[in-house]
Amino acid sequence: MQASFAVSCPFCIDMNSAEYRKSDITNEELAALQDSNLISKTKTFTKRDILALEYTRLISKSPLSFPREFIEELKQNFSEREIVILAGTAAQVNYWGRLIQALGIPPAGFSESCQLPVVRNETVR
């Protein structure tokens, strides 16, 4: 879900957020995924959760930039395998999100309860 919000893909957010309650994601956590300023204030996120969310946001930015201190902290808290899974998942959602937006695919109505963010750079599709 973090990658979907990071690339601002309405279809991806709709699809990946449709059953967020089944994953025990609270409304507070959902709000934090939409506003990165709330992540460190969300009491239910563990240190690993916060690192994984930040890593996902870094992977989703252009140009890519990974502060050395952050990567060292990531390596202290995740195994190599876990880091590969985090990076691969975020990269895959980034690819799909960019492809879906480039094709102008709108939300498909998967979610009735997850409010989609306002698209800031509205263009003709």
Protein backbone atom coordinates (compact mmCIF):
# COMPACT_ATOMS: atom_id res chain seq x y z
CA MET A 1 0.00 0.00 0.00
CA GLN A 2 2.86 2.39 0.78
CA ALA A 3 4.26 2.04 -2.73
CA SER A 4 0.80 2.61 -4.22
CA PHE A 5 0.43 5.85 -2.27
CA ALA A 6 4.03 6.87 -3.04
CA VAL A 7 3.44 6.68 -6.81
CA SER A 8 -0.05 8.21 -6.43
CA CYS A 9 -1.70 5.53 -8.55
CA PRO A 10 -5.47 5.63 -7.95
CA PHE A 11 -6.00 2.16 -9.47
CA CYS A 12 -3.20 0.67 -7.34
CA ILE A 13 -4.44 2.34 -4.18
CA ASP A 14 -7.96 1.13 -4.88
CA MET A 15 -6.82 -2.44 -5.55
CA ASN A 16 -4.19 -2.73 -2.81
CA SER A 17 -6.33 -1.06 -0.16
CA ALA A 18 -9.58 -2.88 -0.83
CA GLU A 19 -9.26 -5.30 2.05
CA TYR A 20 -6.86 -3.43 4.31
CA ARG A 21 -8.99 -4.20 7.39
CA LYS A 22 -8.42 -7.95 6.83
CA SER A 23 -4.72 -7.23 7.32
CA ASP A 24 -5.48 -5.51 10.63
CA ILE A 25 -4.40 -2.11 9.30
CA THR A 26 -6.01 0.56 11.45
CA ASN A 27 -7.45 3.85 10.21
CA GLU A 28 -4.53 5.62 11.91
CA GLU A 29 -2.02 3.43 10.05
CA LEU A 30 -3.86 3.98 6.77
CA ALA A 31 -3.69 7.73 7.31
CA ALA A 32 0.06 7.45 7.98
CA LEU A 33 0.58 5.57 4.72
CA GLN A 34 -1.02 8.52 2.96
CA ASP A 35 0.92 11.17 4.92
CA SER A 36 4.52 10.22 5.70
CA ASN A 37 4.66 12.89 8.45
CA LEU A 38 2.35 10.68 10.51
CA ILE A 39 4.40 7.48 10.29
CA SER A 40 6.72 8.16 13.24
CA LYS A 41 3.72 9.38 15.28
CA THR A 42 1.78 6.15 14.73
CA LYS A 43 2.25 4.15 17.94
CA THR A 44 1.43 0.77 16.39
CA PHE A 45 4.30 0.85 13.86
CA THR A 46 7.43 -0.97 14.98
CA LYS A 47 10.92 0.24 14.12
CA ARG A 48 11.01 -2.37 11.34
CA ASP A 49 7.66 -1.13 10.01
CA ILE A 50 8.93 2.45 9.91
CA LEU A 51 12.17 1.43 8.17
CA ALA A 52 10.30 -0.66 5.60
CA LEU A 53 7.89 2.20 4.87
CA GLU A 54 10.75 4.69 4.52
CA TYR A 55 12.66 2.30 2.24
CA THR A 56 9.54 1.94 0.08
CA ARG A 57 9.21 5.73 -0.17
CA LEU A 58 12.89 6.08 -1.09
CA ILE A 59 12.53 3.42 -3.79
CA SER A 60 9.50 5.28 -5.14
CA LYS A 61 11.21 8.67 -5.48
CA SER A 62 13.00 10.02 -8.52
CA PRO A 63 15.91 10.35 -8.63
CA LEU A 64 16.79 7.41 -6.41
CA SER A 65 18.85 8.34 -3.36
CA PHE A 66 19.64 6.12 -0.40
CA PRO A 67 21.45 7.79 2.49
CA ARG A 68 24.31 5.60 3.74
CA GLU A 69 23.16 5.89 7.36
CA PHE A 70 19.68 4.72 6.42
CA ILE A 71 20.99 1.70 4.51
CA GLU A 72 23.20 0.73 7.47
CA GLU A 73 20.19 0.90 9.80
CA LEU A 74 18.13 -1.12 7.29
CA LYS A 75 20.86 -3.81 7.21
CA GLN A 76 20.92 -3.93 11.02
CA ASN A 77 17.17 -4.62 11.16
CA PHE A 78 16.53 -6.79 8.08
CA SER A 79 18.24 -9.80 6.55
CA GLU A 80 19.56 -9.63 2.99
CA ARG A 81 16.62 -11.75 1.86
CA GLU A 82 14.12 -9.42 3.53
CA ILE A 83 15.74 -6.36 1.92
CA VAL A 84 15.53 -8.01 -1.51
CA ILE A 85 11.85 -8.79 -0.92
CA LEU A 86 11.13 -5.20 0.20
CA ALA A 87 13.00 -3.71 -2.76
CA GLY A 88 11.47 -6.12 -5.28
CA THR A 89 7.93 -5.56 -4.03
CA ALA A 90 8.27 -1.78 -4.02
CA ALA A 91 9.87 -1.78 -7.47
CA GLN A 92 7.14 -4.03 -8.86
CA VAL A 93 4.36 -1.79 -7.52
CA ASN A 94 6.23 1.24 -8.90
CA TYR A 95 6.39 -0.39 -12.33
CA TRP A 96 2.71 -1.34 -12.33
CA GLY A 97 1.66 2.04 -10.91
CA ARG A 98 3.53 3.96 -13.58
CA LEU A 99 2.30 1.66 -16.36
CA ILE A 100 -1.31 1.86 -15.19
CA GLN A 101 -1.16 5.66 -14.94
CA ALA A 102 0.53 5.94 -18.34
CA LEU A 103 -2.35 3.97 -19.84
CA GLY A 104 -4.93 6.13 -18.04
CA ILE A 105 -6.57 3.25 -16.20
CA PRO A 106 -9.01 4.58 -13.56
CA PRO A 107 -9.83 2.96 -10.20
CA ALA A 108 -11.89 -0.18 -10.70
CA GLY A 109 -14.05 -0.01 -7.58
CA PHE A 110 -12.28 -2.66 -5.50
CA SER A 111 -12.53 -0.55 -2.37
CA GLU A 112 -15.59 1.07 -0.92
CA SER A 113 -13.89 2.33 2.21
CA CYS A 114 -10.44 3.61 1.25
CA GLN A 115 -10.56 7.25 0.30
CA LEU A 116 -8.37 7.91 -2.72
CA PRO A 117 -6.06 10.92 -2.63
CA VAL A 118 -6.64 13.89 -4.88
CA VAL A 119 -4.45 13.60 -7.96
CA ARG A 120 -2.33 16.77 -8.02
CA ASN A 121 -1.07 16.75 -11.60
CA GLU A 122 -4.31 16.08 -13.39
CA THR A 123 -3.74 15.56 -17.09
CA VAL A 124 -5.93 14.57 -20.00
CA ARG A 125 -5.87 10.82 -20.44
